Amino acid sequence: MALDAGSLTSSLTTAEQAQISDILVSHSHFDHIRDIPTLGLSTLWEPGSTSVHGLPDTLSAIHEHFLNWKIYPDFTEGLNNAPAKLQFRPVEPKQAFTVLDYQIKPVPVPHPVPCVGYIVKSSSGASIAYTGDTGGGLKSFLHDPMQPGILFVDVTFPNRLHDLADTHRTPHPVQPTERVVDRIGRRRHSATYCCGPHRPPNTKTKWQKSLKTCPAK
């Protein structure tokens, strides 16, 4: 299972790509969906298909702008009498569903286009949350009854560009986030920051320095 699809085919081998049964898509911006059609292409002759879960607006945008027979074939259709490589599965915010042995809950977050993060809970009870792109909305994850133990926050800019980030995040807000966690049942959380592929290339060094100041474990 993958969370978003910004670098699947560039970072995984073909054999590893063929093992992806499900993709949880946060929103329709290019850097989060760009490898969905290339995954369909690279695994075209492999058995099985991949389910793509996302908001109806997100799936519609992927279909209209990518899988339109102008940019890529429509991999939601069977090609050459073969089964469809991609199966689109619409999700609703705050409505949990099951993927493999995991319970999944989409959590709406503020962004210029419809966007959700996801809480993923295993059958053993361990859970994580992934925010996707957002300028806020972390409390929705921390207050959720599924109680994610680790919060993966997608950050884009170094701290000095905090004002520019707007509907994205920088490492800077982690401290207030931890104080929020302390007030919620005194539960122990970790905040782990990951960088999306849309990080401006000329900010790499400053972004890494900002990340080192983050007290997350």
N, C-alpha and C. Protein backbone atom coordinates (compact mmCIF):
# COMPACT_ATOMS: atom_id res chain seq x y z
N MET A 1 0.85 -1.19 0.00
CA MET A 1 0.00 0.00 0.00
C MET A 1 0.88 1.24 0.00
N ALA A 2 0.49 2.25 -0.77
CA ALA A 2 1.27 3.48 -0.87
C ALA A 2 0.42 4.67 -0.45
N LEU A 3 1.07 5.64 0.17
CA LEU A 3 0.44 6.92 0.51
C LEU A 3 0.89 7.95 -0.51
N ASP A 4 -0.01 8.32 -1.41
CA ASP A 4 0.27 9.19 -2.55
C ASP A 4 1.20 8.51 -3.54
N ALA A 5 1.36 9.15 -4.70
CA ALA A 5 2.07 8.48 -5.79
C ALA A 5 2.97 9.46 -6.53
N GLY A 6 3.79 10.20 -5.77
CA GLY A 6 4.66 11.18 -6.40
C GLY A 6 5.97 10.63 -6.91
N SER A 7 6.41 9.48 -6.39
CA SER A 7 7.73 8.97 -6.80
C SER A 7 7.79 7.45 -6.76
N LEU A 8 6.70 6.79 -7.03
CA LEU A 8 6.67 5.33 -6.94
C LEU A 8 7.55 4.67 -7.99
N THR A 9 7.38 5.07 -9.25
CA THR A 9 8.12 4.38 -10.31
C THR A 9 9.57 4.82 -10.39
N SER A 10 9.90 5.96 -9.79
CA SER A 10 11.29 6.41 -9.80
C SER A 10 12.09 5.89 -8.62
N SER A 11 11.41 5.37 -7.61
CA SER A 11 12.12 4.91 -6.41
C SER A 11 11.98 3.41 -6.15
N LEU A 12 11.08 2.75 -6.86
CA LEU A 12 10.86 1.32 -6.65
C LEU A 12 11.23 0.53 -7.90
N THR A 13 11.65 -0.71 -7.71
CA THR A 13 11.90 -1.59 -8.85
C THR A 13 10.56 -2.01 -9.45
N THR A 14 10.62 -2.56 -10.65
CA THR A 14 9.39 -3.02 -11.29
C THR A 14 8.71 -4.10 -10.46
N ALA A 15 9.51 -4.99 -9.87
CA ALA A 15 8.94 -6.04 -9.03
C ALA A 15 8.25 -5.45 -7.81
N GLU A 16 8.85 -4.42 -7.22
CA GLU A 16 8.24 -3.76 -6.05
C GLU A 16 6.97 -3.02 -6.44
N GLN A 17 6.99 -2.39 -7.61
CA GLN A 17 5.80 -1.68 -8.09
C GLN A 17 4.63 -2.65 -8.27
N ALA A 18 4.93 -3.84 -8.76
CA ALA A 18 3.88 -4.83 -9.01
C ALA A 18 3.23 -5.31 -7.73
N GLN A 19 3.88 -5.09 -6.59
CA GLN A 19 3.32 -5.53 -5.31
C GLN A 19 2.38 -4.50 -4.69
N ILE A 20 2.28 -3.31 -5.28
CA ILE A 20 1.41 -2.27 -4.73
C ILE A 20 -0.04 -2.60 -5.08
N SER A 21 -0.80 -2.97 -4.08
CA SER A 21 -2.20 -3.33 -4.32
C SER A 21 -3.12 -2.13 -4.18
N ASP A 22 -2.70 -1.12 -3.40
CA ASP A 22 -3.57 0.02 -3.12
C ASP A 22 -2.75 1.30 -2.99
N ILE A 23 -3.33 2.41 -3.45
CA ILE A 23 -2.74 3.74 -3.28
C ILE A 23 -3.78 4.64 -2.64
N LEU A 24 -3.40 5.30 -1.55
CA LEU A 24 -4.27 6.28 -0.90
C LEU A 24 -3.82 7.65 -1.37
N VAL A 25 -4.66 8.32 -2.16
CA VAL A 25 -4.29 9.60 -2.76
C VAL A 25 -4.90 10.74 -1.96
N SER A 26 -4.07 11.72 -1.61
CA SER A 26 -4.55 12.83 -0.78
C SER A 26 -5.29 13.89 -1.60
N HIS A 27 -4.76 14.25 -2.77
CA HIS A 27 -5.39 15.29 -3.58
C HIS A 27 -4.83 15.23 -5.00
N SER A 28 -5.30 16.14 -5.85
CA SER A 28 -5.05 16.01 -7.28
C SER A 28 -3.83 16.76 -7.80
N HIS A 29 -3.05 17.42 -6.95
CA HIS A 29 -1.88 18.13 -7.45
C HIS A 29 -0.85 17.15 -8.01
N PHE A 30 -0.19 17.60 -9.08
CA PHE A 30 0.64 16.73 -9.91
C PHE A 30 1.66 15.93 -9.12
N ASP A 31 2.33 16.60 -8.16
CA ASP A 31 3.42 15.93 -7.45
C ASP A 31 2.93 14.81 -6.54
N HIS A 32 1.63 14.67 -6.38
CA HIS A 32 1.08 13.59 -5.55
C HIS A 32 0.42 12.48 -6.38
N ILE A 33 0.25 12.72 -7.69
CA ILE A 33 -0.45 11.73 -8.52
C ILE A 33 0.35 11.31 -9.75
N ARG A 34 1.50 11.91 -9.97
CA ARG A 34 2.15 11.77 -11.27
C ARG A 34 2.53 10.35 -11.62
N ASP A 35 2.76 9.47 -10.65
CA ASP A 35 3.19 8.11 -10.97
C ASP A 35 2.03 7.11 -11.03
N ILE A 36 0.80 7.60 -10.92
CA ILE A 36 -0.33 6.67 -11.05
C ILE A 36 -0.40 6.09 -12.46
N PRO A 37 -0.38 6.92 -13.52
CA PRO A 37 -0.41 6.33 -14.86
C PRO A 37 0.85 5.56 -15.21
N THR A 38 2.02 6.03 -14.75
CA THR A 38 3.25 5.30 -15.07
C THR A 38 3.31 3.96 -14.34
N LEU A 39 2.66 3.88 -13.17
CA LEU A 39 2.57 2.59 -12.48
C LEU A 39 1.73 1.63 -13.30
N GLY A 40 0.62 2.12 -13.85
CA GLY A 40 -0.21 1.28 -14.71
C GLY A 40 0.57 0.79 -15.93
N LEU A 41 1.40 1.67 -16.48
CA LEU A 41 2.18 1.32 -17.66
C LEU A 41 3.29 0.33 -17.33
N SER A 42 4.01 0.58 -16.24
CA SER A 42 5.16 -0.27 -15.91
C SER A 42 4.75 -1.66 -15.45
N THR A 43 3.53 -1.80 -14.96
CA THR A 43 3.05 -3.12 -14.49
C THR A 43 2.01 -3.72 -15.43
N LEU A 44 1.97 -3.20 -16.65
CA LEU A 44 0.92 -3.60 -17.59
C LEU A 44 0.85 -5.10 -17.80
N TRP A 45 2.00 -5.76 -17.82
CA TRP A 45 2.02 -7.19 -18.10
C TRP A 45 2.14 -8.03 -16.84
N GLU A 46 2.05 -7.38 -15.70
CA GLU A 46 2.06 -8.10 -14.43
C GLU A 46 0.63 -8.49 -14.05
N PRO A 47 0.44 -9.59 -13.33
CA PRO A 47 -0.92 -9.97 -12.91
C PRO A 47 -1.46 -9.02 -11.86
N GLY A 48 -2.78 -8.96 -11.76
CA GLY A 48 -3.42 -8.16 -10.73
C GLY A 48 -3.61 -6.71 -11.13
N SER A 49 -4.22 -5.95 -10.23
CA SER A 49 -4.49 -4.54 -10.48
C SER A 49 -4.22 -3.75 -9.20
N THR A 50 -4.23 -2.44 -9.31
CA THR A 50 -4.00 -1.56 -8.17
C THR A 50 -5.25 -0.72 -7.93
N SER A 51 -5.74 -0.70 -6.70
CA SER A 51 -6.88 0.14 -6.34
C SER A 51 -6.38 1.52 -5.94
N VAL A 52 -6.97 2.54 -6.54
CA VAL A 52 -6.60 3.93 -6.25
C VAL A 52 -7.74 4.56 -5.46
N HIS A 53 -7.48 4.89 -4.20
CA HIS A 53 -8.50 5.44 -3.31
C HIS A 53 -8.30 6.95 -3.21
N GLY A 54 -9.39 7.71 -3.36
CA GLY A 54 -9.29 9.16 -3.27
C GLY A 54 -10.65 9.80 -3.30
N LEU A 55 -10.69 11.09 -3.03
CA LEU A 55 -11.94 11.84 -3.12
C LEU A 55 -12.46 11.79 -4.56
N PRO A 56 -13.78 11.84 -4.75
CA PRO A 56 -14.33 11.82 -6.11
C PRO A 56 -13.73 12.91 -7.00
N ASP A 57 -13.53 14.12 -6.48
CA ASP A 57 -12.92 15.20 -7.26
C ASP A 57 -11.50 14.84 -7.68
N THR A 58 -10.78 14.19 -6.81
CA THR A 58 -9.40 13.80 -7.10
C THR A 58 -9.36 12.75 -8.21
N LEU A 59 -10.17 11.72 -8.07
CA LEU A 59 -10.20 10.65 -9.08
C LEU A 59 -10.67 11.18 -10.42
N SER A 60 -11.63 12.10 -10.39
CA SER A 60 -12.13 12.70 -11.63
C SER A 60 -11.03 13.48 -12.34
N ALA A 61 -10.23 14.22 -11.58
CA ALA A 61 -9.14 15.00 -12.17
C ALA A 61 -8.08 14.09 -12.79
N ILE A 62 -7.76 12.99 -12.11
CA ILE A 62 -6.78 12.03 -12.66
C ILE A 62 -7.29 11.45 -13.97
N HIS A 63 -8.56 11.09 -13.97
CA HIS A 63 -9.16 10.49 -15.16
C HIS A 63 -9.19 11.48 -16.32
N GLU A 64 -9.63 12.69 -16.02
CA GLU A 64 -9.82 13.69 -17.07
C GLU A 64 -8.50 14.18 -17.67
N HIS A 65 -7.49 14.37 -16.83
CA HIS A 65 -6.27 15.02 -17.29
C HIS A 65 -5.11 14.05 -17.58
N PHE A 66 -5.16 12.85 -17.04
CA PHE A 66 -4.09 11.88 -17.24
C PHE A 66 -4.53 10.70 -18.10
N LEU A 67 -5.56 10.03 -17.64
CA LEU A 67 -5.98 8.77 -18.28
C LEU A 67 -7.03 9.05 -19.35
N ASN A 68 -6.67 9.89 -20.30
CA ASN A 68 -7.64 10.41 -21.27
C ASN A 68 -7.33 10.02 -22.71
N TRP A 69 -6.40 9.09 -22.90
CA TRP A 69 -5.95 8.64 -24.21
C TRP A 69 -5.21 9.72 -24.99
N LYS A 70 -4.95 10.85 -24.35
CA LYS A 70 -4.12 11.89 -24.96
C LYS A 70 -2.76 11.95 -24.27
N ILE A 71 -2.77 11.84 -22.95
CA ILE A 71 -1.53 11.80 -22.19
C ILE A 71 -1.13 10.34 -21.94
N TYR A 72 -2.06 9.55 -21.41
CA TYR A 72 -1.84 8.13 -21.15
C TYR A 72 -3.10 7.36 -21.53
N PRO A 73 -2.97 6.06 -21.77
CA PRO A 73 -4.16 5.24 -21.94
C PRO A 73 -5.00 5.24 -20.67
N ASP A 74 -6.24 4.90 -20.80
CA ASP A 74 -7.12 4.79 -19.63
C ASP A 74 -6.93 3.41 -19.02
N PHE A 75 -6.08 3.35 -18.00
CA PHE A 75 -5.78 2.07 -17.38
C PHE A 75 -6.89 1.58 -16.47
N THR A 76 -7.99 2.33 -16.36
CA THR A 76 -9.16 1.82 -15.64
C THR A 76 -10.00 0.93 -16.56
N GLU A 77 -9.60 0.86 -17.83
CA GLU A 77 -10.23 -0.04 -18.78
C GLU A 77 -9.26 -1.18 -19.09
N GLY A 78 -9.79 -2.32 -19.44
CA GLY A 78 -8.94 -3.43 -19.84
C GLY A 78 -8.34 -3.17 -21.21
N LEU A 79 -7.06 -3.44 -21.37
CA LEU A 79 -6.37 -3.23 -22.64
C LEU A 79 -6.01 -4.58 -23.24
N ASN A 80 -6.28 -4.74 -24.53
CA ASN A 80 -5.95 -5.98 -25.23
C ASN A 80 -6.53 -7.20 -24.52
N ASN A 81 -7.79 -7.07 -24.11
CA ASN A 81 -8.52 -8.16 -23.46
C ASN A 81 -7.95 -8.53 -22.09
N ALA A 82 -7.09 -7.68 -21.54
CA ALA A 82 -6.55 -7.91 -20.20
C ALA A 82 -7.38 -7.14 -19.18
N PRO A 83 -7.39 -7.57 -17.92
CA PRO A 83 -8.13 -6.83 -16.89
C PRO A 83 -7.57 -5.42 -16.71
N ALA A 84 -8.40 -4.52 -16.22
CA ALA A 84 -7.97 -3.15 -15.96
C ALA A 84 -6.83 -3.14 -14.93
N LYS A 85 -5.82 -2.29 -15.15
CA LYS A 85 -4.69 -2.21 -14.22
C LYS A 85 -5.01 -1.35 -13.01
N LEU A 86 -5.89 -0.36 -13.17
CA LEU A 86 -6.23 0.54 -12.08
C LEU A 86 -7.72 0.48 -11.78
N GLN A 87 -8.06 0.38 -10.52
CA GLN A 87 -9.44 0.39 -10.07
C GLN A 87 -9.64 1.63 -9.18
N PHE A 88 -10.52 2.54 -9.59
CA PHE A 88 -10.76 3.75 -8.80
C PHE A 88 -11.78 3.48 -7.70
N ARG A 89 -11.44 3.86 -6.46
CA ARG A 89 -12.31 3.64 -5.30
C ARG A 89 -12.55 4.98 -4.60
N PRO A 90 -13.71 5.61 -4.80
CA PRO A 90 -13.99 6.89 -4.14
C PRO A 90 -14.07 6.74 -2.62
N VAL A 91 -13.57 7.75 -1.91
CA VAL A 91 -13.65 7.76 -0.45
C VAL A 91 -14.44 8.99 -0.01
N GLU A 92 -14.95 8.94 1.21
CA GLU A 92 -15.66 10.07 1.81
C GLU A 92 -14.92 10.49 3.07
N PRO A 93 -14.76 11.81 3.27
CA PRO A 93 -14.07 12.27 4.48
C PRO A 93 -14.71 11.71 5.75
N LYS A 94 -13.89 11.26 6.66
CA LYS A 94 -14.28 10.76 7.97
C LYS A 94 -15.02 9.42 7.93
N GLN A 95 -15.16 8.81 6.74
CA GLN A 95 -15.81 7.51 6.61
C GLN A 95 -14.74 6.43 6.47
N ALA A 96 -14.58 5.62 7.50
CA ALA A 96 -13.52 4.60 7.51
C ALA A 96 -13.85 3.47 6.54
N PHE A 97 -12.81 2.85 6.02
CA PHE A 97 -12.96 1.68 5.15
C PHE A 97 -11.76 0.77 5.37
N THR A 98 -11.81 -0.41 4.79
CA THR A 98 -10.77 -1.40 5.03
C THR A 98 -9.96 -1.66 3.77
N VAL A 99 -8.65 -1.68 3.91
CA VAL A 99 -7.74 -2.06 2.84
C VAL A 99 -6.78 -3.10 3.41
N LEU A 100 -6.75 -4.28 2.77
CA LEU A 100 -5.95 -5.38 3.30
C LEU A 100 -6.35 -5.63 4.75
N ASP A 101 -5.41 -5.58 5.68
CA ASP A 101 -5.74 -5.77 7.10
C ASP A 101 -5.75 -4.44 7.85
N TYR A 102 -5.90 -3.34 7.13
CA TYR A 102 -5.82 -2.02 7.74
C TYR A 102 -7.17 -1.30 7.70
N GLN A 103 -7.45 -0.58 8.76
CA GLN A 103 -8.59 0.32 8.77
C GLN A 103 -8.09 1.71 8.38
N ILE A 104 -8.76 2.31 7.41
CA ILE A 104 -8.32 3.59 6.85
C ILE A 104 -9.41 4.64 7.09
N LYS A 105 -8.99 5.82 7.54
CA LYS A 105 -9.94 6.92 7.68
C LYS A 105 -9.40 8.17 6.98
N PRO A 106 -10.12 8.69 5.97
CA PRO A 106 -9.72 9.95 5.34
C PRO A 106 -10.07 11.13 6.26
N VAL A 107 -9.13 12.03 6.44
CA VAL A 107 -9.32 13.20 7.31
C VAL A 107 -9.18 14.46 6.46
N PRO A 108 -10.24 15.28 6.33
CA PRO A 108 -10.14 16.48 5.50
C PRO A 108 -9.15 17.49 6.06
N VAL A 109 -8.36 18.10 5.18
CA VAL A 109 -7.39 19.12 5.57
C VAL A 109 -7.51 20.31 4.62
N PRO A 110 -7.16 21.53 5.09
CA PRO A 110 -7.27 22.72 4.24
C PRO A 110 -6.17 22.76 3.18
N HIS A 111 -6.58 22.99 1.93
CA HIS A 111 -5.68 23.08 0.79
C HIS A 111 -6.46 23.73 -0.35
N PRO A 112 -5.80 24.30 -1.36
CA PRO A 112 -6.54 24.95 -2.45
C PRO A 112 -7.48 24.03 -3.22
N VAL A 113 -7.20 22.74 -3.25
CA VAL A 113 -8.11 21.77 -3.89
C VAL A 113 -8.58 20.80 -2.82
N PRO A 114 -9.69 20.08 -3.05
CA PRO A 114 -10.15 19.10 -2.06
C PRO A 114 -9.02 18.15 -1.67
N CYS A 115 -8.82 17.96 -0.38
CA CYS A 115 -7.65 17.22 0.09
C CYS A 115 -7.97 16.50 1.39
N VAL A 116 -7.45 15.31 1.52
CA VAL A 116 -7.55 14.56 2.78
C VAL A 116 -6.19 13.99 3.14
N GLY A 117 -5.95 13.85 4.43
CA GLY A 117 -4.88 13.01 4.92
C GLY A 117 -5.50 11.67 5.29
N TYR A 118 -4.70 10.75 5.79
CA TYR A 118 -5.22 9.43 6.13
C TYR A 118 -4.67 8.96 7.48
N ILE A 119 -5.55 8.32 8.25
CA ILE A 119 -5.13 7.56 9.41
C ILE A 119 -5.18 6.09 9.03
N VAL A 120 -4.11 5.38 9.29
CA VAL A 120 -4.01 3.96 8.93
C VAL A 120 -3.78 3.17 10.20
N LYS A 121 -4.69 2.24 10.49
CA LYS A 121 -4.61 1.45 11.72
C LYS A 121 -4.55 -0.03 11.38
N SER A 122 -3.56 -0.72 11.91
CA SER A 122 -3.39 -2.14 11.64
C SER A 122 -4.29 -2.98 12.53
N SER A 123 -4.41 -4.25 12.18
CA SER A 123 -5.23 -5.16 12.98
C SER A 123 -4.66 -5.37 14.38
N SER A 124 -3.37 -5.07 14.56
CA SER A 124 -2.75 -5.20 15.88
C SER A 124 -3.01 -3.98 16.76
N GLY A 125 -3.56 -2.91 16.17
CA GLY A 125 -3.88 -1.71 16.93
C GLY A 125 -2.91 -0.57 16.73
N ALA A 126 -1.76 -0.82 16.11
CA ALA A 126 -0.81 0.27 15.83
C ALA A 126 -1.37 1.16 14.73
N SER A 127 -1.13 2.46 14.82
CA SER A 127 -1.69 3.37 13.83
C SER A 127 -0.75 4.53 13.55
N ILE A 128 -0.85 5.05 12.32
CA ILE A 128 -0.10 6.24 11.92
C ILE A 128 -1.07 7.19 11.23
N ALA A 129 -0.64 8.43 11.05
CA ALA A 129 -1.40 9.39 10.27
C ALA A 129 -0.47 10.08 9.28
N TYR A 130 -0.99 10.36 8.10
CA TYR A 130 -0.26 11.07 7.05
C TYR A 130 -1.11 12.27 6.64
N THR A 131 -0.53 13.48 6.68
CA THR A 131 -1.33 14.68 6.50
C THR A 131 -1.58 15.05 5.05
N GLY A 132 -0.71 14.61 4.12
CA GLY A 132 -0.78 15.20 2.79
C GLY A 132 -0.38 16.67 2.88
N ASP A 133 -0.63 17.44 1.82
CA ASP A 133 -0.32 18.87 1.84
C ASP A 133 -1.36 19.62 2.63
N THR A 134 -0.93 20.42 3.58
CA THR A 134 -1.88 21.22 4.36
C THR A 134 -1.14 22.32 5.09
N GLY A 135 -1.83 23.42 5.32
CA GLY A 135 -1.28 24.49 6.13
C GLY A 135 -1.74 24.42 7.56
N GLY A 136 -2.57 23.44 7.88
CA GLY A 136 -3.10 23.31 9.24
C GLY A 136 -3.88 22.02 9.36
N GLY A 137 -4.78 21.96 10.32
CA GLY A 137 -5.64 20.80 10.46
C GLY A 137 -5.05 19.63 11.20
N LEU A 138 -3.92 19.82 11.89
CA LEU A 138 -3.30 18.69 12.58
C LEU A 138 -4.13 18.19 13.75
N LYS A 139 -4.89 19.07 14.38
CA LYS A 139 -5.68 18.65 15.54
C LYS A 139 -6.69 17.58 15.17
N SER A 140 -7.17 17.61 13.92
CA SER A 140 -8.15 16.60 13.49
C SER A 140 -7.57 15.20 13.60
N PHE A 141 -6.29 15.07 13.33
CA PHE A 141 -5.63 13.76 13.45
C PHE A 141 -5.42 13.40 14.92
N LEU A 142 -4.99 14.36 15.70
CA LEU A 142 -4.64 14.09 17.09
C LEU A 142 -5.86 13.80 17.95
N HIS A 143 -7.01 14.39 17.58
CA HIS A 143 -8.23 14.18 18.35
C HIS A 143 -8.98 12.92 17.92
N ASP A 144 -8.59 12.32 16.81
CA ASP A 144 -9.37 11.21 16.27
C ASP A 144 -9.34 10.00 17.19
N PRO A 145 -10.48 9.30 17.32
CA PRO A 145 -10.54 8.10 18.18
C PRO A 145 -9.59 6.99 17.76
N MET A 146 -9.14 7.00 16.50
CA MET A 146 -8.20 5.97 16.06
C MET A 146 -6.81 6.18 16.65
N GLN A 147 -6.57 7.34 17.25
CA GLN A 147 -5.37 7.63 18.04
C GLN A 147 -4.06 7.26 17.32
N PRO A 148 -3.72 7.98 16.25
CA PRO A 148 -2.46 7.67 15.57
C PRO A 148 -1.26 7.88 16.48
N GLY A 149 -0.36 6.91 16.51
CA GLY A 149 0.82 6.99 17.35
C GLY A 149 1.93 7.80 16.73
N ILE A 150 1.95 7.87 15.40
CA ILE A 150 2.96 8.65 14.68
C ILE A 150 2.25 9.52 13.66
N LEU A 151 2.65 10.77 13.58
CA LEU A 151 2.06 11.72 12.64
C LEU A 151 3.11 12.11 11.61
N PHE A 152 2.90 11.69 10.36
CA PHE A 152 3.79 12.07 9.27
C PHE A 152 3.25 13.35 8.64
N VAL A 153 4.02 14.42 8.73
CA VAL A 153 3.58 15.72 8.23
C VAL A 153 4.40 16.08 7.00
N ASP A 154 3.72 16.33 5.89
CA ASP A 154 4.39 16.69 4.65
C ASP A 154 4.82 18.15 4.73
N VAL A 155 6.12 18.41 4.75
CA VAL A 155 6.62 19.79 4.80
C VAL A 155 7.33 20.12 3.50
N THR A 156 7.26 21.39 3.10
CA THR A 156 7.73 21.81 1.80
C THR A 156 8.87 22.81 1.86
N PHE A 157 8.75 23.80 2.74
CA PHE A 157 9.69 24.91 2.77
C PHE A 157 10.50 24.92 4.07
N PRO A 158 11.70 25.53 4.06
CA PRO A 158 12.44 25.73 5.31
C PRO A 158 11.74 26.77 6.17
N ASN A 159 12.15 26.87 7.41
CA ASN A 159 11.47 27.78 8.34
C ASN A 159 11.46 29.23 7.89
N ARG A 160 12.52 29.69 7.23
CA ARG A 160 12.60 31.10 6.84
C ARG A 160 11.54 31.47 5.80
N LEU A 161 10.96 30.47 5.12
CA LEU A 161 9.91 30.73 4.13
C LEU A 161 8.54 30.37 4.67
N HIS A 162 8.39 30.48 5.99
CA HIS A 162 7.13 30.11 6.63
C HIS A 162 5.95 30.87 6.04
N ASP A 163 6.10 32.18 5.79
CA ASP A 163 5.00 32.99 5.25
C ASP A 163 4.64 32.56 3.84
N LEU A 164 5.62 32.12 3.08
CA LEU A 164 5.37 31.66 1.71
C LEU A 164 4.64 30.32 1.69
N ALA A 165 4.86 29.52 2.70
CA ALA A 165 4.30 28.16 2.72
C ALA A 165 2.78 28.18 2.64
N ASP A 166 2.12 29.07 3.37
CA ASP A 166 0.68 29.26 3.30
C ASP A 166 -0.07 27.94 3.50
N THR A 167 -0.48 27.28 2.41
CA THR A 167 -1.24 26.04 2.53
C THR A 167 -0.35 24.80 2.54
N HIS A 168 0.93 25.00 2.83
CA HIS A 168 1.86 23.91 3.07
C HIS A 168 2.44 24.11 4.47
N ARG A 169 3.45 23.32 4.82
CA ARG A 169 4.02 23.44 6.16
C ARG A 169 5.53 23.54 6.11
N THR A 170 6.09 24.05 7.21
CA THR A 170 7.53 24.05 7.45
C THR A 170 7.77 23.26 8.74
N PRO A 171 9.03 22.91 9.06
CA PRO A 171 9.27 22.19 10.32
C PRO A 171 8.94 23.01 11.56
N HIS A 172 8.84 24.34 11.42
CA HIS A 172 8.69 25.24 12.56
C HIS A 172 7.55 24.90 13.51
N PRO A 173 6.31 24.55 13.02
CA PRO A 173 5.18 24.40 13.95
C PRO A 173 5.18 23.15 14.80
N VAL A 174 6.24 22.35 14.79
CA VAL A 174 6.16 21.08 15.52
C VAL A 174 5.99 21.29 17.02
N GLN A 175 6.60 22.36 17.59
CA GLN A 175 6.53 22.55 19.04
C GLN A 175 5.09 22.77 19.51
N PRO A 176 4.32 23.70 18.88
CA PRO A 176 2.92 23.83 19.27
C PRO A 176 2.15 22.53 19.11
N THR A 177 2.49 21.77 18.07
CA THR A 177 1.80 20.50 17.85
C THR A 177 2.03 19.56 19.03
N GLU A 178 3.26 19.51 19.52
CA GLU A 178 3.55 18.63 20.65
C GLU A 178 2.80 19.07 21.90
N ARG A 179 2.63 20.40 22.08
CA ARG A 179 1.89 20.88 23.24
C ARG A 179 0.43 20.46 23.14
N VAL A 180 -0.11 20.48 21.90
CA VAL A 180 -1.48 20.01 21.70
C VAL A 180 -1.59 18.55 22.08
N VAL A 181 -0.60 17.76 21.65
CA VAL A 181 -0.61 16.33 21.97
C VAL A 181 -0.60 16.12 23.48
N ASP A 182 0.19 16.91 24.20
CA ASP A 182 0.28 16.76 25.65
C ASP A 182 -1.07 16.95 26.32
N ARG A 183 -1.93 17.78 25.72
CA ARG A 183 -3.22 18.07 26.34
C ARG A 183 -4.27 17.02 26.00
N ILE A 184 -3.98 16.15 25.05
CA ILE A 184 -4.97 15.17 24.62
C ILE A 184 -4.71 13.85 25.31
N GLY A 185 -5.24 13.69 26.49
CA GLY A 185 -5.16 12.41 27.19
C GLY A 185 -3.77 12.03 27.62
N ARG A 186 -2.82 12.96 27.55
CA ARG A 186 -1.45 12.67 27.95
C ARG A 186 -0.88 11.47 27.20
N ARG A 187 -1.36 11.28 25.97
CA ARG A 187 -0.85 10.16 25.18
C ARG A 187 0.49 10.53 24.54
N ARG A 188 1.32 9.55 24.33
CA ARG A 188 2.65 9.80 23.76
C ARG A 188 2.56 9.69 22.23
N HIS A 189 3.01 10.71 21.55
CA HIS A 189 3.06 10.71 20.10
C HIS A 189 4.47 11.06 19.63
N SER A 190 4.76 10.71 18.41
CA SER A 190 5.96 11.20 17.75
C SER A 190 5.51 11.96 16.51
N ALA A 191 6.22 13.01 16.16
CA ALA A 191 5.91 13.74 14.93
C ALA A 191 7.09 13.59 13.99
N THR A 192 6.87 12.90 12.90
CA THR A 192 7.93 12.64 11.94
C THR A 192 7.65 13.43 10.67
N TYR A 193 8.63 14.20 10.20
CA TYR A 193 8.42 15.06 9.04
C TYR A 193 9.02 14.44 7.79
N CYS A 194 8.25 14.45 6.72
CA CYS A 194 8.74 13.96 5.44
C CYS A 194 8.57 15.07 4.42
N CYS A 195 9.43 15.07 3.40
CA CYS A 195 9.38 16.14 2.41
C CYS A 195 8.78 15.64 1.11
N GLY A 196 7.82 16.37 0.57
CA GLY A 196 7.22 16.01 -0.70
C GLY A 196 8.15 16.33 -1.87
N PRO A 197 7.92 15.72 -3.04
CA PRO A 197 8.79 15.94 -4.19
C PRO A 197 8.67 17.34 -4.78
N HIS A 198 7.73 18.16 -4.28
CA HIS A 198 7.57 19.52 -4.80
C HIS A 198 8.41 20.53 -4.04
N ARG A 199 9.30 20.07 -3.16
CA ARG A 199 10.18 20.99 -2.45
C ARG A 199 11.05 21.73 -3.45
N PRO A 200 11.10 23.10 -3.39
CA PRO A 200 11.95 23.86 -4.32
C PRO A 200 13.40 23.40 -4.20
N PRO A 201 14.07 23.05 -5.32
CA PRO A 201 15.42 22.49 -5.28
C PRO A 201 16.42 23.40 -4.56
N ASN A 202 16.28 24.71 -4.70
CA ASN A 202 17.27 25.62 -4.11
C ASN A 202 17.09 25.81 -2.61
N THR A 203 16.11 25.12 -2.01
CA THR A 203 15.91 25.23 -0.56
C THR A 203 16.41 23.99 0.18
N LYS A 204 17.04 23.05 -0.51
CA LYS A 204 17.39 21.76 0.09
C LYS A 204 18.23 21.92 1.36
N THR A 205 19.33 22.69 1.28
CA THR A 205 20.23 22.83 2.43
C THR A 205 19.52 23.50 3.60
N LYS A 206 18.81 24.59 3.32
CA LYS A 206 18.12 25.31 4.39
C LYS A 206 17.00 24.45 4.98
N TRP A 207 16.33 23.67 4.12
CA TRP A 207 15.26 22.79 4.61
C TRP A 207 15.84 21.75 5.56
N GLN A 208 17.00 21.17 5.19
CA GLN A 208 17.62 20.16 6.04
C GLN A 208 18.04 20.75 7.38
N LYS A 209 18.56 22.00 7.37
CA LYS A 209 18.93 22.65 8.62
C LYS A 209 17.71 22.89 9.50
N SER A 210 16.61 23.31 8.88
CA SER A 210 15.38 23.53 9.63
C SER A 210 14.89 22.24 10.26
N LEU A 211 15.01 21.15 9.51
CA LEU A 211 14.52 19.86 9.99
C LEU A 211 15.31 19.39 11.21
N LYS A 212 16.61 19.71 11.24
CA LYS A 212 17.45 19.29 12.37
C LYS A 212 17.05 19.97 13.67
N THR A 213 16.39 21.14 13.57
CA THR A 213 15.96 21.85 14.78
C THR A 213 14.64 21.31 15.32
N CYS A 214 14.00 20.44 14.55
CA CYS A 214 12.71 19.90 14.96
C CYS A 214 12.92 18.87 16.07
N PRO A 215 12.17 18.99 17.18
CA PRO A 215 12.37 18.07 18.30
C PRO A 215 11.70 16.72 18.11
N ALA A 216 11.11 16.47 16.94
CA ALA A 216 10.42 15.20 16.72
C ALA A 216 11.40 14.05 16.78
N LYS A 217 10.89 12.88 17.20
CA LYS A 217 11.73 11.69 17.33
C LYS A 217 11.46 10.75 16.18
